[in-house]
Amino acid sequence: MPPGAHAVTLLSRPGCHLCDSAREVIARVAADLGVPWEERDITRSEADMREYWDKIPVTLIDGVQHDFWRVSEDRLRAALTG
């Protein structure tokens, strides 16, 4: 990954309405900035379930937790461009 490049991961679970909102924000910001992103369903991993069940949606930037419950578009943009 070149310097200054980032990757975003959305941790979610099925039926999560906050995850739907987070997905929209992340998709929009990632598209605007040309940043790759992926979504990971926490119900597929016992470790993710233990760690994140009460926090989702969780946004990771380069594998480090950035936000949980709600995604702030401004904070996400700042983290990815700063």
Protein backbone atom coordinates (compact mmCIF):
# COMPACT_ATOMS: atom_id res chain seq x y z
CA MET A 1 0.00 0.00 0.00
CA PRO A 2 1.54 3.35 -0.99
CA PRO A 3 2.14 6.00 1.67
CA GLY A 4 -1.07 7.83 2.50
CA ALA A 5 -3.24 5.00 1.18
CA HIS A 6 -5.78 3.48 3.51
CA ALA A 7 -8.29 0.66 3.59
CA VAL A 8 -11.63 0.75 5.39
CA THR A 9 -13.47 -2.23 6.86
CA LEU A 10 -17.08 -2.11 8.02
CA LEU A 11 -17.95 -4.71 10.65
CA SER A 12 -21.66 -5.46 10.50
CA ARG A 13 -24.30 -8.10 11.04
CA PRO A 14 -27.51 -8.97 9.19
CA GLY A 15 -30.59 -6.96 10.12
CA CYS A 16 -28.64 -4.02 11.55
CA HIS A 17 -30.24 -0.73 10.45
CA LEU A 18 -27.28 1.31 11.74
CA CYS A 19 -25.06 -0.86 9.53
CA ASP A 20 -27.14 0.15 6.51
CA SER A 21 -26.52 3.83 7.27
CA ALA A 22 -22.82 3.22 7.93
CA ARG A 23 -22.49 1.33 4.63
CA GLU A 24 -23.94 4.30 2.71
CA VAL A 25 -21.53 6.78 4.33
CA ILE A 26 -18.49 4.55 3.88
CA ALA A 27 -19.35 3.75 0.26
CA ARG A 28 -19.79 7.45 -0.55
CA VAL A 29 -16.57 8.57 1.16
CA ALA A 30 -14.54 5.67 -0.23
CA ALA A 31 -15.77 6.38 -3.76
CA ASP A 32 -15.01 10.11 -3.44
CA LEU A 33 -11.49 9.47 -2.14
CA GLY A 34 -10.65 6.34 -4.15
CA VAL A 35 -10.18 4.31 -0.95
CA PRO A 36 -10.84 0.56 -1.01
CA TRP A 37 -13.32 -0.80 1.51
CA GLU A 38 -14.84 -4.10 2.49
CA GLU A 39 -17.60 -5.32 4.75
CA ARG A 40 -17.16 -8.16 7.26
CA ASP A 41 -20.13 -9.96 8.85
CA ILE A 42 -19.27 -10.48 12.53
CA THR A 43 -21.66 -13.44 12.78
CA ARG A 44 -19.16 -15.49 10.75
CA SER A 45 -16.48 -15.28 13.45
CA GLU A 46 -16.76 -16.13 17.15
CA ALA A 47 -13.88 -13.76 17.91
CA ASP A 48 -15.60 -10.89 16.07
CA MET A 49 -18.87 -11.68 17.88
CA ARG A 50 -17.18 -11.50 21.29
CA GLU A 51 -15.27 -8.34 20.47
CA TYR A 52 -17.83 -6.31 18.52
CA TRP A 53 -21.37 -7.60 19.22
CA ASP A 54 -22.45 -4.56 21.26
CA LYS A 55 -20.55 -1.99 19.16
CA ILE A 56 -21.60 -2.60 15.57
CA PRO A 57 -21.40 -1.11 13.12
CA VAL A 58 -17.69 -0.69 13.68
CA THR A 59 -15.47 1.13 11.22
CA LEU A 60 -11.83 0.07 10.99
CA ILE A 61 -9.18 2.07 9.16
CA ASP A 62 -6.14 -0.05 8.32
CA GLY A 63 -7.37 -2.62 10.85
CA VAL A 64 -7.65 -0.13 13.73
CA GLN A 65 -11.02 0.79 15.23
CA HIS A 66 -12.04 4.28 14.14
CA ASP A 67 -15.76 4.55 15.01
CA PHE A 68 -18.63 2.47 16.29
CA TRP A 69 -22.46 2.68 16.30
CA ARG A 70 -22.57 5.63 13.91
CA VAL A 71 -20.18 6.73 11.20
CA SER A 72 -19.39 10.43 11.00
CA GLU A 73 -18.74 11.33 7.38
CA ASP A 74 -16.61 14.32 8.40
CA ARG A 75 -14.49 12.27 10.85
CA LEU A 76 -14.01 9.49 8.30
CA ARG A 77 -12.97 11.92 5.56
CA ALA A 78 -10.54 13.66 7.93
CA ALA A 79 -8.98 10.35 9.02
CA LEU A 80 -8.52 9.21 5.42
CA THR A 81 -7.07 12.47 4.12
CA GLY A 82 -5.10 13.67 7.14
